[in-house]
Amino acid sequence: MVTKSPIVLSRRTLLSAGGALLLAGCASGGEKSAGAGPVEQPEVRLGVLPVPDTAPLYLAQREGVFQQNGLRPKFVESELTGDNRFDLDNGPEDVHFDSWVTIFLNIADGADWVLIGEACQTGTLTSALLTAPTSKLRTVADLKGAKIGVNNPRGLGVMLIDALLTTNGVKPADVDYVEYPFDKIGGAVRDGKVDAGWLIEPFLTDVQIKTGAVPLADTATGATVDLPQSGYVCGRKFAERNPNTVKAFQASLVDAQVRALNRAALEREFTEYLKIEPNVASLMSIGKYPSSLRAVRPQRVADLMLSQGMITKPLDVQKLIVS
């Protein structure tokens, strides 16, 4: 059963985009986590988002990985958009999934969180700018003066697009970002309300099939190729009180990410748990699911956010990691 997690604090939309969901399994409280003693909190509450990034965890749930590590987690479904602020000390979640952009915005605002796992990295055409088939836009340079539909004016998409624009000689200030939910961006492009729209999978493939929209540019190339887009965090107090629970989650996550190499198994989770249409699931691009948490990867996101003014002080990611 999945319960809804209320959004805490102010709105500041983000991915996102990334930003993806979690799990549920079963085990007795006496079972041990991998490489540690008995887990302190077997029924850990895991915040999830309905995106492909967390499909490996559904796969692990199906195959009993969490049970093997002494966990019987409870899914708590968060909202996909909304400049989200979460209270991981007093709220309904113990472990939270989100895009690194939203995670680092929360930490920059004072959230005492620690990083416990990576979820997904961008891949070829896992996110892109789309235009209508009749559009006169042909290159990134043509976007000067354009309206671009995004799900969050201060989220992952804008960070990726700004990097792409800069690389192609266009100032980010020369475009106009217009906010739409992911499921409305394709229609906005089709109806001419925006000149281009930024989408992630599965929306990216779905819109191309249903509206005939065409990719203008991959937004994870050059400086942002293979960019880490999402991860898992918990409150520092939770990690200190429940070290074996955290280790059990991390062990389960590693196993889940390795199992995600099986494309057919992933597509089963896409269609069953994420409710993605089978034809879209079979065609959509899939990012990379890292099986380890290395500071150098999410540090790229924190540094890019700093250079673009999304945060005002540097973040030392290594100091935020629990291993």
C-alpha atoms as a PDB file:
ATOM      1  CA  MET A   1       0.000   0.000   0.000  1.00  0.00           C
ATOM      2  CA  VAL A   2       1.300   3.454  -0.895  1.00  0.00           C
ATOM      3  CA  THR A   3       0.392   6.465   1.215  1.00  0.00           C
ATOM      4  CA  LYS A   4       0.750  10.121   0.259  1.00  0.00           C
ATOM      5  CA  SER A   5       3.375  12.294   1.886  1.00  0.00           C
ATOM      6  CA  PRO A   6       2.327  15.925   2.387  1.00  0.00           C
ATOM      7  CA  ILE A   7       4.711  18.549   1.105  1.00  0.00           C
ATOM      8  CA  VAL A   8       6.432  20.423   3.897  1.00  0.00           C
ATOM      9  CA  LEU A   9       7.478  24.092   3.778  1.00  0.00           C
ATOM     10  CA  SER A  10       7.454  26.374   0.761  1.00  0.00           C
ATOM     11  CA  ARG A  11       6.915  25.595  -2.902  1.00  0.00           C
ATOM     12  CA  ARG A  12       9.898  25.812  -5.222  1.00  0.00           C
ATOM     13  CA  THR A  13       9.209  23.235  -7.884  1.00  0.00           C
ATOM     14  CA  LEU A  14      11.761  20.914  -9.186  1.00  0.00           C
ATOM     15  CA  LEU A  15      12.078  17.645 -10.731  1.00  0.00           C
ATOM     16  CA  SER A  16      12.384  16.078 -10.392  1.00  0.00           C
ATOM     17  CA  ALA A  17      13.542  14.690 -13.053  1.00  0.00           C
ATOM     18  CA  GLY A  18      14.034  14.351 -12.251  1.00  0.00           C
ATOM     19  CA  GLY A  19      13.475  12.954 -10.295  1.00  0.00           C
ATOM     20  CA  ALA A  20      11.718   8.325  -9.271  1.00  0.00           C
ATOM     21  CA  LEU A  21       9.791   5.732  -6.176  1.00  0.00           C
ATOM     22  CA  LEU A  22      10.564   2.908  -3.876  1.00  0.00           C
ATOM     23  CA  LEU A  23       9.668  -0.354  -2.392  1.00  0.00           C
ATOM     24  CA  ALA A  24       8.128  -2.715   0.039  1.00  0.00           C
ATOM     25  CA  GLY A  25       9.178  -6.134   1.163  1.00  0.00           C
ATOM     26  CA  CYS A  26       8.835  -8.330   4.182  1.00  0.00           C
ATOM     27  CA  ALA A  27      11.127  -9.733   6.826  1.00  0.00           C
ATOM     28  CA  SER A  28      11.111 -10.539  10.481  1.00  0.00           C
ATOM     29  CA  GLY A  29      12.521  -7.955  12.875  1.00  0.00           C
ATOM     30  CA  GLY A  30      15.164 -10.416  13.982  1.00  0.00           C
ATOM     31  CA  GLU A  31      16.805 -10.694  10.584  1.00  0.00           C
ATOM     32  CA  LYS A  32      20.183  -9.085  10.072  1.00  0.00           C
ATOM     33  CA  SER A  33      21.159  -6.522   7.516  1.00  0.00           C
ATOM     34  CA  ALA A  34      23.991  -7.328   5.138  1.00  0.00           C
ATOM     35  CA  GLY A  35      27.301  -6.989   6.951  1.00  0.00           C
ATOM     36  CA  ALA A  36      25.740  -5.578  10.135  1.00  0.00           C
ATOM     37  CA  GLY A  37      23.681  -6.469  13.185  1.00  0.00           C
ATOM     38  CA  PRO A  38      19.872  -6.557  13.390  1.00  0.00           C
ATOM     39  CA  VAL A  39      18.195  -3.610  11.732  1.00  0.00           C
ATOM     40  CA  GLU A  40      16.829  -1.119  14.225  1.00  0.00           C
ATOM     41  CA  GLN A  41      13.768  -0.232  12.139  1.00  0.00           C
ATOM     42  CA  PRO A  42      12.682  -2.991   9.701  1.00  0.00           C
ATOM     43  CA  GLU A  43       9.550  -1.088   8.655  1.00  0.00           C
ATOM     44  CA  VAL A  44      11.482   1.859   7.278  1.00  0.00           C
ATOM     45  CA  ARG A  45       9.329   4.477   5.531  1.00  0.00           C
ATOM     46  CA  LEU A  46      10.602   5.191   2.043  1.00  0.00           C
ATOM     47  CA  GLY A  47       9.566   8.320   0.153  1.00  0.00           C
ATOM     48  CA  VAL A  48       8.988   7.623  -3.541  1.00  0.00           C
ATOM     49  CA  LEU A  49       8.237   9.458  -6.785  1.00  0.00           C
ATOM     50  CA  PRO A  50       6.465   7.988  -9.845  1.00  0.00           C
ATOM     51  CA  VAL A  51       9.442   8.095 -12.225  1.00  0.00           C
ATOM     52  CA  PRO A  52      11.688   5.400 -13.805  1.00  0.00           C
ATOM     53  CA  ASP A  53      14.685   6.195 -11.590  1.00  0.00           C
ATOM     54  CA  THR A  54      13.411   3.926  -8.824  1.00  0.00           C
ATOM     55  CA  ALA A  55      12.203   1.004 -10.954  1.00  0.00           C
ATOM     56  CA  PRO A  56      15.175  -1.097  -9.719  1.00  0.00           C
ATOM     57  CA  LEU A  57      13.739  -0.965  -6.215  1.00  0.00           C
ATOM     58  CA  TYR A  58      10.416  -2.375  -7.365  1.00  0.00           C
ATOM     59  CA  LEU A  59      12.392  -5.130  -9.035  1.00  0.00           C
ATOM     60  CA  ALA A  60      14.208  -5.787  -5.771  1.00  0.00           C
ATOM     61  CA  GLN A  61      10.909  -5.838  -3.906  1.00  0.00           C
ATOM     62  CA  ARG A  62       9.514  -8.445  -6.284  1.00  0.00           C
ATOM     63  CA  GLU A  63      12.592 -10.630  -5.903  1.00  0.00           C
ATOM     64  CA  GLY A  64      12.819 -10.491  -2.099  1.00  0.00           C
ATOM     65  CA  VAL A  65      15.998  -8.431  -1.810  1.00  0.00           C
ATOM     66  CA  PHE A  66      14.742  -6.266   1.039  1.00  0.00           C
ATOM     67  CA  GLN A  67      13.560  -9.289   2.969  1.00  0.00           C
ATOM     68  CA  GLN A  68      17.010 -10.823   2.649  1.00  0.00           C
ATOM     69  CA  ASN A  69      18.464  -7.702   4.250  1.00  0.00           C
ATOM     70  CA  GLY A  70      16.002  -7.582   7.132  1.00  0.00           C
ATOM     71  CA  LEU A  71      13.705  -4.861   5.799  1.00  0.00           C
ATOM     72  CA  ARG A  72       9.986  -4.678   5.194  1.00  0.00           C
ATOM     73  CA  PRO A  73       9.767  -1.090   3.978  1.00  0.00           C
ATOM     74  CA  LYS A  74       6.643   0.991   3.500  1.00  0.00           C
ATOM     75  CA  PHE A  75       6.212   3.163   0.402  1.00  0.00           C
ATOM     76  CA  VAL A  76       5.208   6.776   0.978  1.00  0.00           C
ATOM     77  CA  GLU A  77       4.454   8.502  -2.325  1.00  0.00           C
ATOM     78  CA  SER A  78       5.636  12.105  -2.623  1.00  0.00           C
ATOM     79  CA  GLU A  79       4.570  14.651  -5.214  1.00  0.00           C
ATOM     80  CA  LEU A  80       6.447  14.817  -8.516  1.00  0.00           C
ATOM     81  CA  THR A  81       6.569  18.610  -8.772  1.00  0.00           C
ATOM     82  CA  GLY A  82       6.449  21.568  -6.427  1.00  0.00           C
ATOM     83  CA  ASP A  83       9.454  23.345  -4.979  1.00  0.00           C
ATOM     84  CA  ASN A  84       9.430  20.696  -2.305  1.00  0.00           C
ATOM     85  CA  ARG A  85      10.682  20.988   1.250  1.00  0.00           C
ATOM     86  CA  PHE A  86      10.574  17.844   3.364  1.00  0.00           C
ATOM     87  CA  ASP A  87      10.871  17.341   7.104  1.00  0.00           C
ATOM     88  CA  LEU A  88      12.793  14.088   7.496  1.00  0.00           C
ATOM     89  CA  ASP A  89      13.013  14.456  11.269  1.00  0.00           C
ATOM     90  CA  ASN A  90       9.303  14.776  12.053  1.00  0.00           C
ATOM     91  CA  GLY A  91       7.534  13.933   8.790  1.00  0.00           C
ATOM     92  CA  PRO A  92       6.126  10.697   7.314  1.00  0.00           C
ATOM     93  CA  GLU A  93       9.354   9.575   5.587  1.00  0.00           C
ATOM     94  CA  ASP A  94      12.614   8.109   6.883  1.00  0.00           C
ATOM     95  CA  VAL A  95      14.407   7.770   3.538  1.00  0.00           C
ATOM     96  CA  HIS A  96      13.609  10.186   0.724  1.00  0.00           C
ATOM     97  CA  PHE A  97      14.155   9.913  -3.033  1.00  0.00           C
ATOM     98  CA  ASP A  98      14.437  12.994  -5.238  1.00  0.00           C
ATOM     99  CA  SER A  99      16.535  14.700  -7.875  1.00  0.00           C
ATOM    100  CA  TRP A 100      19.926  15.885  -6.690  1.00  0.00           C
ATOM    101  CA  VAL A 101      18.829  19.427  -7.546  1.00  0.00           C
ATOM    102  CA  THR A 102      15.936  19.324  -5.081  1.00  0.00           C
ATOM    103  CA  ILE A 103      18.037  17.492  -2.504  1.00  0.00           C
ATOM    104  CA  PHE A 104      20.804  20.100  -2.653  1.00  0.00           C
ATOM    105  CA  LEU A 105      18.290  22.972  -2.567  1.00  0.00           C
ATOM    106  CA  ASN A 106      16.900  21.511   0.653  1.00  0.00           C
ATOM    107  CA  ILE A 107      20.375  21.097   2.141  1.00  0.00           C
ATOM    108  CA  ALA A 108      21.349  24.626   1.113  1.00  0.00           C
ATOM    109  CA  ASP A 109      18.234  25.827   2.923  1.00  0.00           C
ATOM    110  CA  GLY A 110      19.395  24.155   6.124  1.00  0.00           C
ATOM    111  CA  ALA A 111      18.070  20.581   5.961  1.00  0.00           C
ATOM    112  CA  ASP A 112      20.375  18.328   8.008  1.00  0.00           C
ATOM    113  CA  TRP A 113      20.401  15.428   5.557  1.00  0.00           C
ATOM    114  CA  VAL A 114      22.948  12.811   4.619  1.00  0.00           C
ATOM    115  CA  LEU A 115      23.339  11.023   1.285  1.00  0.00           C
ATOM    116  CA  ILE A 116      22.911   7.231   1.310  1.00  0.00           C
ATOM    117  CA  GLY A 117      22.638   6.200  -2.332  1.00  0.00           C
ATOM    118  CA  GLU A 118      22.498   7.154  -5.997  1.00  0.00           C
ATOM    119  CA  ALA A 119      19.408   6.405  -8.060  1.00  0.00           C
ATOM    120  CA  CYS A 120      19.964   7.278 -11.708  1.00  0.00           C
ATOM    121  CA  GLN A 121      22.280   9.072 -14.118  1.00  0.00           C
ATOM    122  CA  THR A 122      21.224  10.658 -17.392  1.00  0.00           C
ATOM    123  CA  GLY A 123      21.681   8.694 -20.598  1.00  0.00           C
ATOM    124  CA  THR A 124      21.369   9.418 -24.301  1.00  0.00           C
ATOM    125  CA  LEU A 125      17.976  11.076 -24.911  1.00  0.00           C
ATOM    126  CA  THR A 126      16.631  10.355 -21.447  1.00  0.00           C
ATOM    127  CA  SER A 127      15.817  14.070 -21.391  1.00  0.00           C
ATOM    128  CA  ALA A 128      15.508  16.410 -24.351  1.00  0.00           C
ATOM    129  CA  LEU A 129      14.002  19.529 -25.856  1.00  0.00           C
ATOM    130  CA  LEU A 130      11.136  18.792 -28.241  1.00  0.00           C
ATOM    131  CA  THR A 131       9.571  20.975 -30.907  1.00  0.00           C
ATOM    132  CA  ALA A 132       6.524  20.676 -33.136  1.00  0.00           C
ATOM    133  CA  PRO A 133       7.213  18.986 -36.501  1.00  0.00           C
ATOM    134  CA  THR A 134       6.434  22.283 -38.269  1.00  0.00           C
ATOM    135  CA  SER A 135       8.773  24.341 -36.062  1.00  0.00           C
ATOM    136  CA  LYS A 136      11.380  26.571 -37.680  1.00  0.00           C
ATOM    137  CA  LEU A 137      13.797  25.849 -34.829  1.00  0.00           C
ATOM    138  CA  ARG A 138      16.629  23.667 -36.086  1.00  0.00           C
ATOM    139  CA  THR A 139      19.529  24.193 -33.675  1.00  0.00           C
ATOM    140  CA  VAL A 140      20.077  25.227 -30.068  1.00  0.00           C
ATOM    141  CA  ALA A 141      21.271  28.614 -31.305  1.00  0.00           C
ATOM    142  CA  ASP A 142      17.777  29.197 -32.743  1.00  0.00           C
ATOM    143  CA  LEU A 143      16.334  29.189 -29.206  1.00  0.00           C
ATOM    144  CA  LYS A 144      17.290  32.809 -28.564  1.00  0.00           C
ATOM    145  CA  GLY A 145      14.024  34.581 -27.721  1.00  0.00           C
ATOM    146  CA  ALA A 146      12.084  31.301 -27.516  1.00  0.00           C
ATOM    147  CA  LYS A 147       9.524  30.200 -24.954  1.00  0.00           C
ATOM    148  CA  ILE A 148      10.478  26.866 -23.395  1.00  0.00           C
ATOM    149  CA  GLY A 149       8.067  24.728 -21.395  1.00  0.00           C
ATOM    150  CA  VAL A 150       9.560  23.208 -18.240  1.00  0.00           C
ATOM    151  CA  ASN A 151       8.056  21.449 -15.249  1.00  0.00           C
ATOM    152  CA  ASN A 152       9.974  23.596 -12.778  1.00  0.00           C
ATOM    153  CA  PRO A 153      11.584  27.006 -13.400  1.00  0.00           C
ATOM    154  CA  ARG A 154      14.281  26.230 -10.817  1.00  0.00           C
ATOM    155  CA  GLY A 155      14.756  22.514 -11.327  1.00  0.00           C
ATOM    156  CA  LEU A 156      16.865  19.944 -13.107  1.00  0.00           C
ATOM    157  CA  GLY A 157      15.528  20.807 -16.547  1.00  0.00           C
ATOM    158  CA  VAL A 158      16.468  24.471 -16.374  1.00  0.00           C
ATOM    159  CA  MET A 159      19.913  23.569 -15.060  1.00  0.00           C
ATOM    160  CA  LEU A 160      20.481  21.206 -18.009  1.00  0.00           C
ATOM    161  CA  ILE A 161      19.054  23.619 -20.570  1.00  0.00           C
ATOM    162  CA  ASP A 162      21.091  26.565 -19.265  1.00  0.00           C
ATOM    163  CA  ALA A 163      24.267  24.494 -19.581  1.00  0.00           C
ATOM    164  CA  LEU A 164      23.306  23.533 -23.142  1.00  0.00           C
ATOM    165  CA  LEU A 165      22.493  27.118 -24.095  1.00  0.00           C
ATOM    166  CA  THR A 166      25.769  28.429 -22.705  1.00  0.00           C
ATOM    167  CA  THR A 167      27.733  25.812 -24.610  1.00  0.00           C
ATOM    168  CA  ASN A 168      26.012  26.928 -27.816  1.00  0.00           C
ATOM    169  CA  GLY A 169      26.511  30.644 -27.342  1.00  0.00           C
ATOM    170  CA  VAL A 170      23.032  31.541 -26.093  1.00  0.00           C
ATOM    171  CA  LYS A 171      22.577  33.385 -22.806  1.00  0.00           C
ATOM    172  CA  PRO A 172      20.056  31.699 -20.468  1.00  0.00           C
ATOM    173  CA  ALA A 173      18.473  35.117 -19.947  1.00  0.00           C
ATOM    174  CA  ASP A 174      17.601  35.169 -23.661  1.00  0.00           C
ATOM    175  CA  VAL A 175      14.944  32.450 -23.302  1.00  0.00           C
ATOM    176  CA  ASP A 176      11.640  32.539 -21.450  1.00  0.00           C
ATOM    177  CA  TYR A 177      10.809  29.538 -19.263  1.00  0.00           C
ATOM    178  CA  VAL A 178       7.113  28.749 -18.930  1.00  0.00           C
ATOM    179  CA  GLU A 179       5.958  26.328 -16.237  1.00  0.00           C
ATOM    180  CA  TYR A 180       3.729  23.354 -17.105  1.00  0.00           C
ATOM    181  CA  PRO A 181       3.290  19.909 -15.537  1.00  0.00           C
ATOM    182  CA  PHE A 182       5.125  17.195 -17.468  1.00  0.00           C
ATOM    183  CA  ASP A 183       1.865  15.793 -18.827  1.00  0.00           C
ATOM    184  CA  LYS A 184       0.899  19.184 -20.287  1.00  0.00           C
ATOM    185  CA  ILE A 185       4.163  20.161 -21.964  1.00  0.00           C
ATOM    186  CA  GLY A 186       3.559  18.078 -25.092  1.00  0.00           C
ATOM    187  CA  GLY A 187       0.202  19.760 -25.648  1.00  0.00           C
ATOM    188  CA  ALA A 188       1.742  23.188 -25.125  1.00  0.00           C
ATOM    189  CA  VAL A 189       4.318  22.445 -27.829  1.00  0.00           C
ATOM    190  CA  ARG A 190       1.663  21.068 -30.194  1.00  0.00           C
ATOM    191  CA  ASP A 191      -0.627  24.067 -29.693  1.00  0.00           C
ATOM    192  CA  GLY A 192       2.133  26.653 -30.108  1.00  0.00           C
ATOM    193  CA  LYS A 193       1.938  27.956 -26.542  1.00  0.00           C
ATOM    194  CA  VAL A 194       5.689  27.345 -26.264  1.00  0.00           C
ATOM    195  CA  ASP A 195       8.360  27.015 -28.943  1.00  0.00           C
ATOM    196  CA  ALA A 196      10.001  24.016 -27.314  1.00  0.00           C
ATOM    197  CA  GLY A 197       9.405  21.789 -24.314  1.00  0.00           C
ATOM    198  CA  TRP A 198      11.740  19.933 -21.963  1.00  0.00           C
ATOM    199  CA  LEU A 199      10.752  16.381 -21.089  1.00  0.00           C
ATOM    200  CA  ILE A 200      12.161  13.324 -19.373  1.00  0.00           C
ATOM    201  CA  GLU A 201      11.227   9.709 -19.974  1.00  0.00           C
ATOM    202  CA  PRO A 202       8.603   8.276 -20.239  1.00  0.00           C
ATOM    203  CA  PHE A 203       6.939  11.585 -21.188  1.00  0.00           C
ATOM    204  CA  LEU A 204       9.547  12.167 -23.881  1.00  0.00           C
ATOM    205  CA  THR A 205       8.718   9.025 -25.847  1.00  0.00           C
ATOM    206  CA  ASP A 206       4.997   9.252 -25.138  1.00  0.00           C
ATOM    207  CA  VAL A 207       4.724  12.792 -26.551  1.00  0.00           C
ATOM    208  CA  GLN A 208       6.650  11.876 -29.700  1.00  0.00           C
ATOM    209  CA  ILE A 209       4.304   8.957 -30.342  1.00  0.00           C
ATOM    210  CA  LYS A 210       1.090  10.871 -29.663  1.00  0.00           C
ATOM    211  CA  THR A 211       1.832  14.336 -31.100  1.00  0.00           C
ATOM    212  CA  GLY A 212       4.609  13.795 -33.638  1.00  0.00           C
ATOM    213  CA  ALA A 213       6.923  16.158 -31.763  1.00  0.00           C
ATOM    214  CA  VAL A 214      10.592  15.871 -32.701  1.00  0.00           C
ATOM    215  CA  PRO A 215      13.775  16.191 -30.598  1.00  0.00           C
ATOM    216  CA  LEU A 216      15.654  19.441 -31.031  1.00  0.00           C
ATOM    217  CA  ALA A 217      18.495  18.630 -28.642  1.00  0.00           C
ATOM    218  CA  ASP A 218      19.564  16.079 -26.067  1.00  0.00           C
ATOM    219  CA  THR A 219      19.956  17.966 -22.769  1.00  0.00           C
ATOM    220  CA  ALA A 220      22.505  15.570 -21.279  1.00  0.00           C
ATOM    221  CA  THR A 221      25.494  16.056 -23.548  1.00  0.00           C
ATOM    222  CA  GLY A 222      28.875  17.717 -23.261  1.00  0.00           C
ATOM    223  CA  ALA A 223      29.302  19.095 -19.745  1.00  0.00           C
ATOM    224  CA  THR A 224      26.201  17.241 -18.559  1.00  0.00           C
ATOM    225  CA  VAL A 225      26.733  13.843 -20.189  1.00  0.00           C
ATOM    226  CA  ASP A 226      26.064  10.996 -17.714  1.00  0.00           C
ATOM    227  CA  LEU A 227      25.091  13.609 -15.121  1.00  0.00           C
ATOM    228  CA  PRO A 228      23.792  12.124 -11.860  1.00  0.00           C
ATOM    229  CA  GLN A 229      20.157  13.154 -11.655  1.00  0.00           C
ATOM    230  CA  SER A 230      18.713  11.588  -8.516  1.00  0.00           C
ATOM    231  CA  GLY A 231      19.499   9.903  -5.234  1.00  0.00           C
ATOM    232  CA  TYR A 232      18.414   8.876  -1.740  1.00  0.00           C
ATOM    233  CA  VAL A 233      18.837  10.760   1.527  1.00  0.00           C
ATOM    234  CA  CYS A 234      17.796  10.505   5.163  1.00  0.00           C
ATOM    235  CA  GLY A 235      18.018  12.806   8.157  1.00  0.00           C
ATOM    236  CA  ARG A 236      21.354  12.806   9.964  1.00  0.00           C
ATOM    237  CA  LYS A 237      19.597  11.915  13.227  1.00  0.00           C
ATOM    238  CA  PHE A 238      17.928   8.907  11.603  1.00  0.00           C
ATOM    239  CA  ALA A 239      21.270   7.659  10.258  1.00  0.00           C
ATOM    240  CA  GLU A 240      22.898   8.032  13.679  1.00  0.00           C
ATOM    241  CA  ARG A 241      20.069   6.186  15.469  1.00  0.00           C
ATOM    242  CA  ASN A 242      19.665   3.464  12.840  1.00  0.00           C
ATOM    243  CA  PRO A 243      23.055   2.655  11.294  1.00  0.00           C
ATOM    244  CA  ASN A 244      22.170  -0.974  10.514  1.00  0.00           C
ATOM    245  CA  THR A 245      18.887   0.038   8.904  1.00  0.00           C
ATOM    246  CA  VAL A 246      20.779   2.432   6.626  1.00  0.00           C
ATOM    247  CA  LYS A 247      23.324  -0.273   5.768  1.00  0.00           C
ATOM    248  CA  ALA A 248      20.507  -2.699   4.975  1.00  0.00           C
ATOM    249  CA  PHE A 249      18.917  -0.173   2.617  1.00  0.00           C
ATOM    250  CA  GLN A 250      22.251   0.510   0.937  1.00  0.00           C
ATOM    251  CA  ALA A 251      22.914  -3.214   0.468  1.00  0.00           C
ATOM    252  CA  SER A 252      19.436  -3.649  -1.013  1.00  0.00           C
ATOM    253  CA  LEU A 253      19.983  -0.690  -3.327  1.00  0.00           C
ATOM    254  CA  VAL A 254      23.274  -2.086  -4.665  1.00  0.00           C
ATOM    255  CA  ASP A 255      21.591  -5.405  -5.432  1.00  0.00           C
ATOM    256  CA  ALA A 256      18.636  -3.608  -7.037  1.00  0.00           C
ATOM    257  CA  GLN A 257      20.831  -1.501  -9.310  1.00  0.00           C
ATOM    258  CA  VAL A 258      22.721  -4.568 -10.526  1.00  0.00           C
ATOM    259  CA  ARG A 259      19.468  -6.390 -11.278  1.00  0.00           C
ATOM    260  CA  ALA A 260      18.388  -3.359 -13.310  1.00  0.00           C
ATOM    261  CA  LEU A 261      20.838  -4.383 -16.026  1.00  0.00           C
ATOM    262  CA  ASN A 262      18.055  -6.730 -17.152  1.00  0.00           C
ATOM    263  CA  ARG A 263      16.020  -4.538 -19.540  1.00  0.00           C
ATOM    264  CA  ALA A 264      13.112  -6.973 -19.737  1.00  0.00           C
ATOM    265  CA  ALA A 265      12.808  -7.069 -15.950  1.00  0.00           C
ATOM    266  CA  LEU A 266      12.877  -3.268 -15.808  1.00  0.00           C
ATOM    267  CA  GLU A 267      10.140  -2.955 -18.416  1.00  0.00           C
ATOM    268  CA  ARG A 268       7.955  -5.220 -16.305  1.00  0.00           C
ATOM    269  CA  GLU A 269       8.302  -2.775 -13.397  1.00  0.00           C
ATOM    270  CA  PHE A 270       7.710   0.203 -15.706  1.00  0.00           C
ATOM    271  CA  THR A 271       4.400  -1.162 -16.875  1.00  0.00           C
ATOM    272  CA  GLU A 272       3.175  -2.764 -13.639  1.00  0.00           C
ATOM    273  CA  TYR A 273       4.266  -0.295 -10.962  1.00  0.00           C
ATOM    274  CA  LEU A 274       4.824   2.927 -12.890  1.00  0.00           C
ATOM    275  CA  LYS A 275       1.808   2.392 -15.178  1.00  0.00           C
ATOM    276  CA  ILE A 276       3.785   3.229 -18.312  1.00  0.00           C
ATOM    277  CA  GLU A 277       2.136   2.034 -21.516  1.00  0.00           C
ATOM    278  CA  PRO A 278       3.895  -1.101 -22.851  1.00  0.00           C
ATOM    279  CA  ASN A 279       4.768   0.439 -26.236  1.00  0.00           C
ATOM    280  CA  VAL A 280       6.344   3.430 -24.492  1.00  0.00           C
ATOM    281  CA  ALA A 281       8.224   1.208 -22.020  1.00  0.00           C
ATOM    282  CA  SER A 282       9.722  -0.799 -24.883  1.00  0.00           C
ATOM    283  CA  LEU A 283      10.898   2.286 -26.803  1.00  0.00           C
ATOM    284  CA  MET A 284      11.966   4.754 -24.099  1.00  0.00           C
ATOM    285  CA  SER A 285      15.585   5.504 -23.329  1.00  0.00           C
ATOM    286  CA  ILE A 286      16.896   4.419 -19.951  1.00  0.00           C
ATOM    287  CA  GLY A 287      19.600   6.094 -17.897  1.00  0.00           C
ATOM    288  CA  LYS A 288      22.307   4.409 -15.855  1.00  0.00           C
ATOM    289  CA  TYR A 289      21.725   2.955 -12.387  1.00  0.00           C
ATOM    290  CA  PRO A 290      24.985   3.300 -10.392  1.00  0.00           C
ATOM    291  CA  SER A 291      25.706   0.489  -7.943  1.00  0.00           C
ATOM    292  CA  SER A 292      27.830   2.692  -5.683  1.00  0.00           C
ATOM    293  CA  LEU A 293      27.716   6.184  -4.213  1.00  0.00           C
ATOM    294  CA  ARG A 294      30.819   8.152  -5.146  1.00  0.00           C
ATOM    295  CA  ALA A 295      31.036  11.800  -4.113  1.00  0.00           C
ATOM    296  CA  VAL A 296      32.615  12.876  -7.393  1.00  0.00           C
ATOM    297  CA  ARG A 297      29.382  12.183  -9.284  1.00  0.00           C
ATOM    298  CA  PRO A 298      26.755  14.215  -7.354  1.00  0.00           C
ATOM    299  CA  GLN A 299      29.478  16.807  -6.710  1.00  0.00           C
ATOM    300  CA  ARG A 300      29.172  17.654 -10.423  1.00  0.00           C
ATOM    301  CA  VAL A 301      25.553  18.661  -9.814  1.00  0.00           C
ATOM    302  CA  ALA A 302      26.366  20.767  -6.743  1.00  0.00           C
ATOM    303  CA  ASP A 303      29.154  22.553  -8.621  1.00  0.00           C
ATOM    304  CA  LEU A 304      26.936  23.243 -11.634  1.00  0.00           C
ATOM    305  CA  MET A 305      24.190  24.594  -9.361  1.00  0.00           C
ATOM    306  CA  LEU A 306      26.734  26.928  -7.742  1.00  0.00           C
ATOM    307  CA  SER A 307      28.053  28.165 -11.088  1.00  0.00           C
ATOM    308  CA  GLN A 308      24.492  28.913 -12.251  1.00  0.00           C
ATOM    309  CA  GLY A 309      23.530  30.676  -9.015  1.00  0.00           C
ATOM    310  CA  MET A 310      20.982  28.071  -7.905  1.00  0.00           C
ATOM    311  CA  ILE A 311      22.857  27.853  -4.610  1.00  0.00           C
ATOM    312  CA  THR A 312      25.083  30.565  -3.175  1.00  0.00           C
ATOM    313  CA  LYS A 313      27.620  28.557  -1.170  1.00  0.00           C
ATOM    314  CA  PRO A 314      29.692  25.509  -2.194  1.00  0.00           C
ATOM    315  CA  LEU A 315      28.573  22.083  -0.990  1.00  0.00           C
ATOM    316  CA  ASP A 316      31.175  19.457  -0.072  1.00  0.00           C
ATOM    317  CA  VAL A 317      29.327  16.290  -1.080  1.00  0.00           C
ATOM    318  CA  GLN A 318      31.918  13.972   0.451  1.00  0.00           C
ATOM    319  CA  LYS A 319      31.081  15.294   3.909  1.00  0.00           C
ATOM    320  CA  LEU A 320      27.395  14.517   3.353  1.00  0.00           C
ATOM    321  CA  ILE A 321      27.816  10.838   2.494  1.00  0.00           C
ATOM    322  CA  VAL A 322      27.092   7.979   4.895  1.00  0.00           C
ATOM    323  CA  SER A 323      28.911   4.797   3.921  1.00  0.00           C
END
